[in-house]
Protein backbone atom coordinates (compact mmCIF):
# COMPACT_ATOMS: atom_id res chain seq x y z
CA UNK A 1 0.00 0.00 0.00
CA UNK A 2 1.47 3.35 -1.00
CA UNK A 3 1.64 6.37 1.28
CA UNK A 4 0.37 9.70 0.02
CA UNK A 5 2.54 12.80 0.17
CA UNK A 6 0.59 14.57 2.93
CA UNK A 7 0.85 11.59 5.28
CA UNK A 8 4.55 11.23 4.50
CA UNK A 9 5.08 14.95 5.15
CA UNK A 10 3.44 14.64 8.58
CA UNK A 11 5.65 11.65 9.41
CA UNK A 12 8.70 13.58 8.18
CA UNK A 13 7.95 16.34 10.70
CA UNK A 14 7.80 13.76 13.52
CA UNK A 15 11.07 12.17 12.40
CA UNK A 16 12.78 15.58 12.20
CA UNK A 17 11.65 16.37 15.75
CA UNK A 18 12.84 13.00 17.06
CA UNK A 19 16.24 13.39 15.37
CA UNK A 20 16.80 17.05 16.30
CA UNK A 21 20.38 17.52 17.40
CA UNK A 22 21.64 14.45 15.54
CA UNK A 23 23.85 14.70 12.44
CA UNK A 24 21.12 13.79 9.95
CA UNK A 25 19.02 15.34 7.22
CA UNK A 26 15.38 14.37 6.72
CA UNK A 27 13.35 14.49 3.52
CA UNK A 28 10.85 12.57 1.43
CA UNK A 29 11.62 9.67 -0.89
CA UNK A 30 9.46 8.71 -3.89
CA UNK A 31 8.82 4.97 -3.80
CA UNK A 32 8.53 2.74 -6.87
CA UNK A 33 4.81 2.20 -6.16
CA UNK A 34 4.09 5.93 -6.53
CA UNK A 35 3.88 6.53 -2.78
CA UNK A 36 6.29 8.26 -0.43
CA UNK A 37 8.60 7.35 2.43
CA UNK A 38 10.59 9.42 4.89
CA UNK A 39 14.26 9.48 3.97
CA UNK A 40 16.96 10.03 6.57
CA UNK A 41 20.47 10.76 5.32
CA UNK A 42 23.32 9.99 7.74
CA UNK A 43 27.10 10.24 7.65
CA UNK A 44 28.06 6.68 8.63
CA UNK A 45 26.77 3.15 9.13
CA UNK A 46 26.97 3.37 12.97
CA UNK A 47 24.72 6.45 12.84
CA UNK A 48 22.40 4.62 10.42
CA UNK A 49 22.07 1.71 12.84
CA UNK A 50 21.32 4.07 15.72
CA UNK A 51 18.65 5.85 13.67
CA UNK A 52 17.08 2.53 12.62
CA UNK A 53 16.98 1.45 16.26
CA UNK A 54 15.43 4.74 17.36
CA UNK A 55 12.81 4.98 14.60
CA UNK A 56 12.15 1.44 13.45
CA UNK A 57 11.02 0.69 9.90
CA UNK A 58 7.95 2.97 9.99
CA UNK A 59 6.69 6.12 11.67
CA UNK A 60 2.91 6.51 11.79
CA UNK A 61 2.64 3.79 9.14
CA UNK A 62 5.01 5.59 6.75
CA UNK A 63 8.16 3.70 5.70
CA UNK A 64 11.50 5.12 6.83
CA UNK A 65 14.50 4.76 4.49
CA UNK A 66 17.92 5.41 6.05
CA UNK A 67 20.79 6.10 3.66
CA UNK A 68 24.50 6.55 4.39
CA UNK A 69 25.64 9.51 2.29
CA UNK A 70 28.86 10.64 3.96
CA UNK A 71 28.87 14.28 5.02
CA UNK A 72 25.43 15.58 6.01
CA UNK A 73 24.32 19.19 5.95
CA UNK A 74 25.58 22.32 4.23
CA UNK A 75 28.68 21.93 2.11
PDB file of N, CA and C in Angstrom:
ATOM      1  N   UNK A   1       0.838  -1.181   0.000  1.00  0.00           N
ATOM      2  CA  UNK A   1       0.000   0.000   0.000  1.00  0.00           C
ATOM      3  C   UNK A   1       0.879   1.238   0.000  1.00  0.00           C
ATOM      4  N   UNK A   2       0.639   2.161  -0.907  1.00  0.00           N
ATOM      5  CA  UNK A   2       1.474   3.347  -1.002  1.00  0.00           C
ATOM      6  C   UNK A   2       0.990   4.436  -0.047  1.00  0.00           C
ATOM      7  N   UNK A   3       1.915   5.269   0.361  1.00  0.00           N
ATOM      8  CA  UNK A   3       1.639   6.365   1.285  1.00  0.00           C
ATOM      9  C   UNK A   3       1.537   7.662   0.499  1.00  0.00           C
ATOM     10  N   UNK A   4       0.488   8.437   0.737  1.00  0.00           N
ATOM     11  CA  UNK A   4       0.367   9.704   0.016  1.00  0.00           C
ATOM     12  C   UNK A   4       1.319  10.749   0.601  1.00  0.00           C
ATOM     13  N   UNK A   5       1.552  11.786  -0.184  1.00  0.00           N
ATOM     14  CA  UNK A   5       2.540  12.804   0.168  1.00  0.00           C
ATOM     15  C   UNK A   5       2.198  13.519   1.481  1.00  0.00           C
ATOM     16  N   UNK A   6       0.938  13.828   1.716  1.00  0.00           N
ATOM     17  CA  UNK A   6       0.585  14.571   2.933  1.00  0.00           C
ATOM     18  C   UNK A   6       0.859  13.743   4.190  1.00  0.00           C
ATOM     19  N   UNK A   7       0.566  12.456   4.138  1.00  0.00           N
ATOM     20  CA  UNK A   7       0.848  11.586   5.284  1.00  0.00           C
ATOM     21  C   UNK A   7       2.351  11.445   5.504  1.00  0.00           C
ATOM     22  N   UNK A   8       3.095  11.332   4.409  1.00  0.00           N
ATOM     23  CA  UNK A   8       4.551  11.230   4.505  1.00  0.00           C
ATOM     24  C   UNK A   8       5.147  12.524   5.054  1.00  0.00           C
ATOM     25  N   UNK A   9       4.590  13.657   4.659  1.00  0.00           N
ATOM     26  CA  UNK A   9       5.079  14.948   5.154  1.00  0.00           C
ATOM     27  C   UNK A   9       4.852  15.082   6.656  1.00  0.00           C
ATOM     28  N   UNK A  10       3.714  14.615   7.134  1.00  0.00           N
ATOM     29  CA  UNK A  10       3.437  14.641   8.579  1.00  0.00           C
ATOM     30  C   UNK A  10       4.413  13.735   9.327  1.00  0.00           C
ATOM     31  N   UNK A  11       4.689  12.561   8.787  1.00  0.00           N
ATOM     32  CA  UNK A  11       5.652  11.646   9.415  1.00  0.00           C
ATOM     33  C   UNK A  11       7.048  12.240   9.384  1.00  0.00           C
ATOM     34  N   UNK A  12       7.387  12.928   8.297  1.00  0.00           N
ATOM     35  CA  UNK A  12       8.701  13.579   8.180  1.00  0.00           C
ATOM     36  C   UNK A  12       8.896  14.592   9.310  1.00  0.00           C
ATOM     37  N   UNK A  13       7.867  15.359   9.619  1.00  0.00           N
ATOM     38  CA  UNK A  13       7.952  16.335  10.704  1.00  0.00           C
ATOM     39  C   UNK A  13       8.222  15.650  12.040  1.00  0.00           C
ATOM     40  N   UNK A  14       7.560  14.510  12.279  1.00  0.00           N
ATOM     41  CA  UNK A  14       7.800  13.758  13.518  1.00  0.00           C
ATOM     42  C   UNK A  14       9.226  13.236  13.575  1.00  0.00           C
ATOM     43  N   UNK A  15       9.709  12.701  12.445  1.00  0.00           N
ATOM     44  CA  UNK A  15      11.072  12.170  12.397  1.00  0.00           C
ATOM     45  C   UNK A  15      12.074  13.300  12.647  1.00  0.00           C
ATOM     46  N   UNK A  16      11.870  14.447  12.016  1.00  0.00           N
ATOM     47  CA  UNK A  16      12.783  15.576  12.202  1.00  0.00           C
ATOM     48  C   UNK A  16      12.836  16.005  13.662  1.00  0.00           C
ATOM     49  N   UNK A  17      11.695  16.009  14.322  1.00  0.00           N
ATOM     50  CA  UNK A  17      11.649  16.366  15.747  1.00  0.00           C
ATOM     51  C   UNK A  17      12.406  15.337  16.584  1.00  0.00           C
ATOM     52  N   UNK A  18      12.186  14.063  16.293  1.00  0.00           N
ATOM     53  CA  UNK A  18      12.845  12.997  17.065  1.00  0.00           C
ATOM     54  C   UNK A  18      14.346  12.977  16.853  1.00  0.00           C
ATOM     55  N   UNK A  19      14.802  13.418  15.676  1.00  0.00           N
ATOM     56  CA  UNK A  19      16.236  13.388  15.370  1.00  0.00           C
ATOM     57  C   UNK A  19      16.921  14.744  15.551  1.00  0.00           C
ATOM     58  N   UNK A  20      16.207  15.726  16.082  1.00  0.00           N
ATOM     59  CA  UNK A  20      16.799  17.050  16.304  1.00  0.00           C
ATOM     60  C   UNK A  20      18.071  16.914  17.134  1.00  0.00           C
ATOM     61  N   UNK A  21      19.117  17.572  16.695  1.00  0.00           N
ATOM     62  CA  UNK A  21      20.384  17.515  17.402  1.00  0.00           C
ATOM     63  C   UNK A  21      21.305  16.412  16.930  1.00  0.00           C
ATOM     64  N   UNK A  22      20.814  15.504  16.112  1.00  0.00           N
ATOM     65  CA  UNK A  22      21.644  14.448  15.541  1.00  0.00           C
ATOM     66  C   UNK A  22      22.144  14.897  14.170  1.00  0.00           C
ATOM     67  N   UNK A  23      23.248  14.335  13.729  1.00  0.00           N
ATOM     68  CA  UNK A  23      23.848  14.695  12.443  1.00  0.00           C
ATOM     69  C   UNK A  23      23.136  13.938  11.318  1.00  0.00           C
ATOM     70  N   UNK A  24      21.931  14.416  10.977  1.00  0.00           N
ATOM     71  CA  UNK A  24      21.119  13.787   9.946  1.00  0.00           C
ATOM     72  C   UNK A  24      20.443  14.869   9.111  1.00  0.00           C
ATOM     73  N   UNK A  25      19.946  14.487   7.957  1.00  0.00           N
ATOM     74  CA  UNK A  25      19.018  15.343   7.218  1.00  0.00           C
ATOM     75  C   UNK A  25      17.805  14.487   6.889  1.00  0.00           C
ATOM     76  N   UNK A  26      16.628  15.103   6.882  1.00  0.00           N
ATOM     77  CA  UNK A  26      15.381  14.373   6.717  1.00  0.00           C
ATOM     78  C   UNK A  26      14.618  14.948   5.534  1.00  0.00           C
ATOM     79  N   UNK A  27      14.128  14.066   4.680  1.00  0.00           N
ATOM     80  CA  UNK A  27      13.348  14.492   3.523  1.00  0.00           C
ATOM     81  C   UNK A  27      12.346  13.424   3.143  1.00  0.00           C
ATOM     82  N   UNK A  28      11.778  13.566   1.948  1.00  0.00           N
ATOM     83  CA  UNK A  28      10.848  12.570   1.426  1.00  0.00           C
ATOM     84  C   UNK A  28      11.521  11.795   0.310  1.00  0.00           C
ATOM     85  N   UNK A  29      11.087  10.563   0.141  1.00  0.00           N
ATOM     86  CA  UNK A  29      11.618   9.673  -0.895  1.00  0.00           C
ATOM     87  C   UNK A  29      10.442   9.126  -1.696  1.00  0.00           C
ATOM     88  N   UNK A  30      10.501   9.266  -3.024  1.00  0.00           N
ATOM     89  CA  UNK A  30       9.463   8.709  -3.889  1.00  0.00           C
ATOM     90  C   UNK A  30       9.717   7.215  -4.054  1.00  0.00           C
ATOM     91  N   UNK A  31       8.723   6.420  -3.702  1.00  0.00           N
ATOM     92  CA  UNK A  31       8.822   4.972  -3.798  1.00  0.00           C
ATOM     93  C   UNK A  31       8.435   4.505  -5.211  1.00  0.00           C
ATOM     94  N   UNK A  32       8.843   3.308  -5.555  1.00  0.00           N
ATOM     95  CA  UNK A  32       8.529   2.738  -6.875  1.00  0.00           C
ATOM     96  C   UNK A  32       7.026   2.570  -7.105  1.00  0.00           C
ATOM     97  N   UNK A  33       6.256   2.407  -6.017  1.00  0.00           N
ATOM     98  CA  UNK A  33       4.812   2.199  -6.165  1.00  0.00           C
ATOM     99  C   UNK A  33       4.032   3.508  -6.309  1.00  0.00           C
ATOM    100  N   UNK A  34       4.744   4.638  -6.381  1.00  0.00           N
ATOM    101  CA  UNK A  34       4.088   5.931  -6.525  1.00  0.00           C
ATOM    102  C   UNK A  34       3.824   6.630  -5.209  1.00  0.00           C
ATOM    103  N   UNK A  35       4.066   5.940  -4.097  1.00  0.00           N
ATOM    104  CA  UNK A  35       3.881   6.529  -2.777  1.00  0.00           C
ATOM    105  C   UNK A  35       5.161   7.186  -2.293  1.00  0.00           C
ATOM    106  N   UNK A  36       5.154   7.563  -1.027  1.00  0.00           N
ATOM    107  CA  UNK A  36       6.291   8.260  -0.435  1.00  0.00           C
ATOM    108  C   UNK A  36       6.737   7.587   0.856  1.00  0.00           C
ATOM    109  N   UNK A  37       8.007   7.792   1.169  1.00  0.00           N
ATOM    110  CA  UNK A  37       8.596   7.354   2.430  1.00  0.00           C
ATOM    111  C   UNK A  37       9.365   8.537   3.002  1.00  0.00           C
ATOM    112  N   UNK A  38       9.701   8.442   4.276  1.00  0.00           N
ATOM    113  CA  UNK A  38      10.587   9.421   4.886  1.00  0.00           C
ATOM    114  C   UNK A  38      12.006   8.940   4.658  1.00  0.00           C
ATOM    115  N   UNK A  39      12.867   9.834   4.201  1.00  0.00           N
ATOM    116  CA  UNK A  39      14.261   9.476   3.965  1.00  0.00           C
ATOM    117  C   UNK A  39      15.135  10.210   4.969  1.00  0.00           C
ATOM    118  N   UNK A  40      16.019   9.460   5.617  1.00  0.00           N
ATOM    119  CA  UNK A  40      16.961  10.029   6.570  1.00  0.00           C
ATOM    120  C   UNK A  40      18.362   9.780   6.035  1.00  0.00           C
ATOM    121  N   UNK A  41      19.087  10.854   5.761  1.00  0.00           N
ATOM    122  CA  UNK A  41      20.472  10.755   5.323  1.00  0.00           C
ATOM    123  C   UNK A  41      21.374  10.878   6.542  1.00  0.00           C
ATOM    124  N   UNK A  42      22.370  10.008   6.612  1.00  0.00           N
ATOM    125  CA  UNK A  42      23.316   9.994   7.735  1.00  0.00           C
ATOM    126  C   UNK A  42      24.733   9.903   7.205  1.00  0.00           C
ATOM    127  N   UNK A  43      25.699  10.201   8.069  1.00  0.00           N
ATOM    128  CA  UNK A  43      27.097  10.242   7.652  1.00  0.00           C
ATOM    129  C   UNK A  43      27.779   8.878   7.657  1.00  0.00           C
ATOM    130  N   UNK A  44      27.339   7.947   8.510  1.00  0.00           N
ATOM    131  CA  UNK A  44      28.060   6.680   8.634  1.00  0.00           C
ATOM    132  C   UNK A  44      27.101   5.539   8.990  1.00  0.00           C
ATOM    133  N   UNK A  45      27.585   4.320   8.815  1.00  0.00           N
ATOM    134  CA  UNK A  45      26.773   3.153   9.133  1.00  0.00           C
ATOM    135  C   UNK A  45      26.438   3.064  10.625  1.00  0.00           C
ATOM    136  N   UNK A  46      27.360   3.395  11.546  1.00  0.00           N
ATOM    137  CA  UNK A  46      26.972   3.367  12.965  1.00  0.00           C
ATOM    138  C   UNK A  46      25.814   4.329  13.270  1.00  0.00           C
ATOM    139  N   UNK A  47      25.822   5.506  12.644  1.00  0.00           N
ATOM    140  CA  UNK A  47      24.716   6.450  12.841  1.00  0.00           C
ATOM    141  C   UNK A  47      23.437   5.868  12.224  1.00  0.00           C
ATOM    142  N   UNK A  48      23.559   5.239  11.066  1.00  0.00           N
ATOM    143  CA  UNK A  48      22.400   4.616  10.417  1.00  0.00           C
ATOM    144  C   UNK A  48      21.777   3.564  11.331  1.00  0.00           C
ATOM    145  N   UNK A  49      22.593   2.734  11.944  1.00  0.00           N
ATOM    146  CA  UNK A  49      22.075   1.705  12.842  1.00  0.00           C
ATOM    147  C   UNK A  49      21.368   2.328  14.047  1.00  0.00           C
ATOM    148  N   UNK A  50      21.944   3.401  14.584  1.00  0.00           N
ATOM    149  CA  UNK A  50      21.322   4.074  15.722  1.00  0.00           C
ATOM    150  C   UNK A  50      19.967   4.668  15.329  1.00  0.00           C
ATOM    151  N   UNK A  51      19.900   5.264  14.147  1.00  0.00           N
ATOM    152  CA  UNK A  51      18.645   5.847  13.668  1.00  0.00           C
ATOM    153  C   UNK A  51      17.607   4.754  13.444  1.00  0.00           C
ATOM    154  N   UNK A  52      18.016   3.643  12.844  1.00  0.00           N
ATOM    155  CA  UNK A  52      17.083   2.533  12.620  1.00  0.00           C
ATOM    156  C   UNK A  52      16.541   1.999  13.941  1.00  0.00           C
ATOM    157  N   UNK A  53      17.407   1.918  14.945  1.00  0.00           N
ATOM    158  CA  UNK A  53      16.979   1.452  16.264  1.00  0.00           C
ATOM    159  C   UNK A  53      15.997   2.434  16.886  1.00  0.00           C
ATOM    160  N   UNK A  54      16.281   3.714  16.774  1.00  0.00           N
ATOM    161  CA  UNK A  54      15.431   4.744  17.364  1.00  0.00           C
ATOM    162  C   UNK A  54      14.067   4.829  16.683  1.00  0.00           C
ATOM    163  N   UNK A  55      14.048   4.758  15.347  1.00  0.00           N
ATOM    164  CA  UNK A  55      12.811   4.983  14.600  1.00  0.00           C
ATOM    165  C   UNK A  55      12.069   3.714  14.213  1.00  0.00           C
ATOM    166  N   UNK A  56      12.777   2.634  13.994  1.00  0.00           N
ATOM    167  CA  UNK A  56      12.153   1.438  13.451  1.00  0.00           C
ATOM    168  C   UNK A  56      11.997   1.570  11.942  1.00  0.00           C
ATOM    169  N   UNK A  57      11.192   0.701  11.353  1.00  0.00           N
ATOM    170  CA  UNK A  57      11.017   0.691   9.899  1.00  0.00           C
ATOM    171  C   UNK A  57       9.936   1.648   9.426  1.00  0.00           C
ATOM    172  N   UNK A  58       9.057   2.075  10.343  1.00  0.00           N
ATOM    173  CA  UNK A  58       7.953   2.969   9.986  1.00  0.00           C
ATOM    174  C   UNK A  58       7.701   3.962  11.110  1.00  0.00           C
ATOM    175  N   UNK A  59       7.175   5.122  10.721  1.00  0.00           N
ATOM    176  CA  UNK A  59       6.690   6.116  11.671  1.00  0.00           C
ATOM    177  C   UNK A  59       5.285   6.476  11.232  1.00  0.00           C
ATOM    178  N   UNK A  60       4.308   6.259  12.117  1.00  0.00           N
ATOM    179  CA  UNK A  60       2.906   6.510  11.790  1.00  0.00           C
ATOM    180  C   UNK A  60       2.469   5.787  10.515  1.00  0.00           C
ATOM    181  N   UNK A  61       2.997   4.584  10.299  1.00  0.00           N
ATOM    182  CA  UNK A  61       2.642   3.789   9.139  1.00  0.00           C
ATOM    183  C   UNK A  61       3.352   4.168   7.857  1.00  0.00           C
ATOM    184  N   UNK A  62       4.261   5.137   7.923  1.00  0.00           N
ATOM    185  CA  UNK A  62       5.013   5.591   6.750  1.00  0.00           C
ATOM    186  C   UNK A  62       6.404   4.954   6.794  1.00  0.00           C
ATOM    187  N   UNK A  63       6.834   4.321   5.708  1.00  0.00           N
ATOM    188  CA  UNK A  63       8.160   3.695   5.698  1.00  0.00           C
ATOM    189  C   UNK A  63       9.271   4.726   5.926  1.00  0.00           C
ATOM    190  N   UNK A  64      10.321   4.291   6.610  1.00  0.00           N
ATOM    191  CA  UNK A  64      11.503   5.122   6.830  1.00  0.00           C
ATOM    192  C   UNK A  64      12.672   4.475   6.098  1.00  0.00           C
ATOM    193  N   UNK A  65      13.334   5.224   5.249  1.00  0.00           N
ATOM    194  CA  UNK A  65      14.497   4.761   4.494  1.00  0.00           C
ATOM    195  C   UNK A  65      15.719   5.520   5.006  1.00  0.00           C
ATOM    196  N   UNK A  66      16.700   4.801   5.537  1.00  0.00           N
ATOM    197  CA  UNK A  66      17.924   5.412   6.054  1.00  0.00           C
ATOM    198  C   UNK A  66      19.035   5.155   5.043  1.00  0.00           C
ATOM    199  N   UNK A  67      19.749   6.216   4.675  1.00  0.00           N
ATOM    200  CA  UNK A  67      20.791   6.096   3.665  1.00  0.00           C
ATOM    201  C   UNK A  67      22.076   6.753   4.161  1.00  0.00           C
ATOM    202  N   UNK A  68      23.183   6.017   4.048  1.00  0.00           N
ATOM    203  CA  UNK A  68      24.496   6.551   4.390  1.00  0.00           C
ATOM    204  C   UNK A  68      25.009   7.340   3.187  1.00  0.00           C
ATOM    205  N   UNK A  69      25.231   8.635   3.395  1.00  0.00           N
ATOM    206  CA  UNK A  69      25.643   9.508   2.294  1.00  0.00           C
ATOM    207  C   UNK A  69      26.993  10.189   2.521  1.00  0.00           C
ATOM    208  N   UNK A  70      27.623   9.928   3.649  1.00  0.00           N
ATOM    209  CA  UNK A  70      28.864  10.635   3.962  1.00  0.00           C
ATOM    210  C   UNK A  70      28.502  11.914   4.713  1.00  0.00           C
ATOM    211  N   UNK A  71      29.115  13.006   4.337  1.00  0.00           N
ATOM    212  CA  UNK A  71      28.874  14.284   5.016  1.00  0.00           C
ATOM    213  C   UNK A  71      27.411  14.699   4.886  1.00  0.00           C
ATOM    214  N   UNK A  72      26.827  15.135   5.990  1.00  0.00           N
ATOM    215  CA  UNK A  72      25.432  15.576   6.009  1.00  0.00           C
ATOM    216  C   UNK A  72      25.400  17.059   6.315  1.00  0.00           C
ATOM    217  N   UNK A  73      24.496  17.770   5.677  1.00  0.00           N
ATOM    218  CA  UNK A  73      24.317  19.194   5.952  1.00  0.00           C
ATOM    219  C   UNK A  73      24.902  20.068   4.859  1.00  0.00           C
ATOM    220  N   UNK A  74      25.071  21.332   5.192  1.00  0.00           N
ATOM    221  CA  UNK A  74      25.580  22.315   4.235  1.00  0.00           C
ATOM    222  C   UNK A  74      27.021  21.997   3.848  1.00  0.00           C
ATOM    223  N   UNK A  75      27.304  22.180   2.573  1.00  0.00           N
ATOM    224  CA  UNK A  75      28.679  21.933   2.106  1.00  0.00           C
ATOM    225  C   UNK A  75      29.278  23.206   1.590  1.00  0.00           C
TER     226      UNK A  75
END
